[in-house]
Protein backbone atom coordinates (compact mmCIF):
# COMPACT_ATOMS: atom_id res chain seq x y z
CA UNK A 1 14.99 10.85 -84.23
CA UNK A 2 14.62 14.50 -83.37
CA UNK A 3 10.85 14.52 -83.95
CA UNK A 4 11.21 16.55 -87.15
CA UNK A 5 10.50 13.70 -89.49
CA UNK A 6 7.50 13.05 -91.67
CA UNK A 7 5.53 9.85 -91.76
CA UNK A 8 3.87 9.30 -95.09
CA UNK A 9 0.28 8.31 -94.37
CA UNK A 10 -1.70 6.85 -97.22
CA UNK A 11 -5.39 7.69 -97.48
CA UNK A 12 -7.14 5.79 -100.24
CA UNK A 13 -10.29 7.93 -100.20
CA UNK A 14 -11.00 11.43 -99.03
CA UNK A 15 -13.42 14.12 -100.12
CA UNK A 16 -12.57 17.80 -99.99
CA UNK A 17 -14.96 20.68 -100.54
CA UNK A 18 -13.05 23.88 -101.24
CA UNK A 19 -14.68 27.29 -101.47
CA UNK A 20 -12.33 29.99 -102.70
CA UNK A 21 -12.65 33.57 -103.80
CA UNK A 22 -10.46 36.39 -104.95
CA UNK A 23 -10.95 40.12 -105.21
CA UNK A 24 -8.67 42.47 -107.10
CA UNK A 25 -8.77 46.23 -107.52
CA UNK A 26 -6.34 48.18 -109.71
CA UNK A 27 -6.00 51.95 -110.09
CA UNK A 28 -4.12 52.59 -113.32
CA UNK A 29 -0.56 51.40 -112.88
CA UNK A 30 -0.11 53.06 -109.48
CA UNK A 31 -1.95 50.96 -106.90
CA UNK A 32 -3.41 47.48 -106.66
CA UNK A 33 -5.07 45.44 -103.96
CA UNK A 34 -5.63 41.70 -104.05
CA UNK A 35 -7.47 39.70 -101.40
CA UNK A 36 -8.20 35.99 -101.46
CA UNK A 37 -9.66 33.39 -99.16
CA UNK A 38 -10.10 29.65 -99.31
CA UNK A 39 -11.94 27.36 -96.96
CA UNK A 40 -11.58 23.59 -97.28
CA UNK A 41 -13.65 20.92 -95.56
CA UNK A 42 -12.08 17.46 -95.57
CA UNK A 43 -14.30 14.42 -94.96
CA UNK A 44 -15.22 10.86 -95.99
CA UNK A 45 -11.90 9.33 -94.97
CA UNK A 46 -11.44 5.60 -95.35
CA UNK A 47 -8.38 5.11 -93.11
CA UNK A 48 -7.66 8.27 -91.10
CA UNK A 49 -9.86 10.63 -89.13
CA UNK A 50 -8.23 13.89 -90.29
CA UNK A 51 -6.40 15.44 -93.22
CA UNK A 52 -3.01 15.57 -91.52
CA UNK A 53 -0.97 18.67 -92.36
CA UNK A 54 -3.50 20.21 -94.77
CA UNK A 55 -4.55 23.79 -94.02
CA UNK A 56 -8.33 24.28 -93.78
CA UNK A 57 -8.38 28.10 -94.00
CA UNK A 58 -6.09 30.49 -95.90
CA UNK A 59 -6.71 34.23 -96.16
CA UNK A 60 -4.28 36.58 -97.90
CA UNK A 61 -4.12 40.23 -98.81
CA UNK A 62 -1.58 42.11 -100.89
CA UNK A 63 -1.25 45.76 -101.80
CA UNK A 64 1.27 47.26 -104.22
CA UNK A 65 1.70 51.03 -104.45
CA UNK A 66 3.92 52.99 -106.84
CA UNK A 67 4.04 56.51 -105.37
CA UNK A 68 6.93 57.66 -107.59
CA UNK A 69 8.44 56.51 -110.85
CA UNK A 70 10.91 53.74 -110.04
CA UNK A 71 9.62 53.17 -106.49
CA UNK A 72 7.32 50.29 -105.57
CA UNK A 73 6.04 49.51 -102.06
CA UNK A 74 4.35 46.25 -101.16
CA UNK A 75 2.52 44.88 -98.11
CA UNK A 76 1.28 41.30 -97.54
CA UNK A 77 -0.98 39.91 -94.83
CA UNK A 78 -1.41 36.13 -94.39
CA UNK A 79 -3.65 34.08 -92.13
CA UNK A 80 -3.35 30.29 -91.99
CA UNK A 81 -5.81 28.16 -90.04
CA UNK A 82 -4.10 25.47 -88.01
CA UNK A 83 -3.80 22.03 -89.57
CA UNK A 84 -4.20 18.75 -87.72
CA UNK A 85 -1.15 16.75 -86.68
CA UNK A 86 -0.34 13.72 -84.61
CA UNK A 87 2.71 12.26 -82.95
CA UNK A 88 3.41 8.87 -81.44
CA UNK A 89 2.92 10.21 -77.90
CA UNK A 90 0.05 12.72 -78.31
CA UNK A 91 -3.54 12.50 -79.48
CA UNK A 92 -4.57 14.34 -82.68
CA UNK A 93 -4.07 18.07 -82.15
CA UNK A 94 -4.67 21.22 -84.18
CA UNK A 95 -1.80 23.67 -84.65
CA UNK A 96 -2.41 27.25 -83.62
CA UNK A 97 -3.38 29.54 -86.50
CA UNK A 98 -0.72 31.78 -87.99
CA UNK A 99 -0.81 35.49 -88.79
CA UNK A 100 2.00 37.13 -90.74
CA UNK A 101 2.52 40.68 -92.03
CA UNK A 102 5.30 41.63 -94.46
CA UNK A 103 6.31 44.90 -96.08
CA UNK A 104 8.91 45.70 -98.69
CA UNK A 105 9.99 47.98 -101.44
CA UNK A 106 12.02 48.25 -104.62
CA UNK A 107 13.74 51.28 -106.08
CA UNK A 108 15.29 51.68 -109.53
CA UNK A 109 18.74 53.22 -109.17
CA UNK A 110 19.81 53.07 -112.78
CA UNK A 111 18.91 51.71 -116.18
CA UNK A 112 19.48 48.06 -115.21
CA UNK A 113 19.92 48.32 -111.43
CA UNK A 114 17.41 47.98 -108.62
CA UNK A 115 17.69 47.76 -104.84
CA UNK A 116 15.11 46.09 -102.62
CA UNK A 117 14.25 45.67 -98.96
CA UNK A 118 11.85 43.14 -97.44
CA UNK A 119 10.78 42.93 -93.78
CA UNK A 120 8.94 39.74 -92.89
CA UNK A 121 6.82 38.70 -89.92
CA UNK A 122 6.57 42.23 -88.54
CA UNK A 123 4.37 40.99 -85.66
CA UNK A 124 7.16 38.52 -84.76
CA UNK A 125 4.49 35.83 -84.36
CA UNK A 126 5.55 32.29 -83.69
CA UNK A 127 3.47 29.73 -85.51
CA UNK A 128 4.03 26.51 -87.37
CA UNK A 129 3.01 25.55 -90.89
CA UNK A 130 3.86 21.95 -89.98
CA UNK A 131 4.28 20.52 -86.49
CA UNK A 132 7.74 21.23 -85.00
CA UNK A 133 8.74 23.51 -87.91
CA UNK A 134 8.30 27.08 -86.62
CA UNK A 135 8.49 29.98 -89.04
CA UNK A 136 11.22 32.58 -88.71
CA UNK A 137 10.51 35.48 -86.42
CA UNK A 138 10.95 39.05 -87.59
CA UNK A 139 13.59 39.18 -90.32
CA UNK A 140 14.96 41.68 -92.81
CA UNK A 141 16.39 40.96 -96.25
CA UNK A 142 17.89 43.36 -98.77
CA UNK A 143 19.51 43.05 -102.11
CA UNK A 144 20.67 44.50 -105.37
CA UNK A 145 19.37 43.33 -108.75
CA UNK A 146 21.06 43.77 -112.09
CA UNK A 147 18.96 42.98 -115.18
CA UNK A 148 20.62 42.16 -118.48
C-alpha cells in the first residue's frame, strides 16, 4: 500500500450543526459578487471521536466582471478549514487549512466561438483536501469553445 487508500469507517450516529450564509450583490449584468461561509460542528459520535475527512469550515468568494461586451473576467477565493484524519501509525491529526485564489476570463471571438484562460492556485499554496492528496500548485489552463 502506498498510503493513499481510504478506509471506510462506519459511524452509526453523529450529530452535525451547520451554520451557513450567503451574500450576493449584482450590478445590472456587468458585475456580481458572491460570498458564502459554512461552519459545521460535528458531535455525539457513537463509535469514533471525530468526523474523519469532513471539512468544518468553508469560506468562498467569487466576483464576475464584464467590462466589455463579449469579455468576462472572474476571480475566486477559497478557504478550507483542515479536516481530521488518522493513519495506522499516527494519532488523530488535523490537516492544515487551505487557501486558494483563481482568476480567469472568457472572450467571444465570433458568433459561436469563445476562448478562455484560467489560472488556478495563484498563491501556489500546498494543502490537502484529504490526507496524502495534495492539490496542484499554480497551474494554467486555456481552451476554445464552439457552441452549436
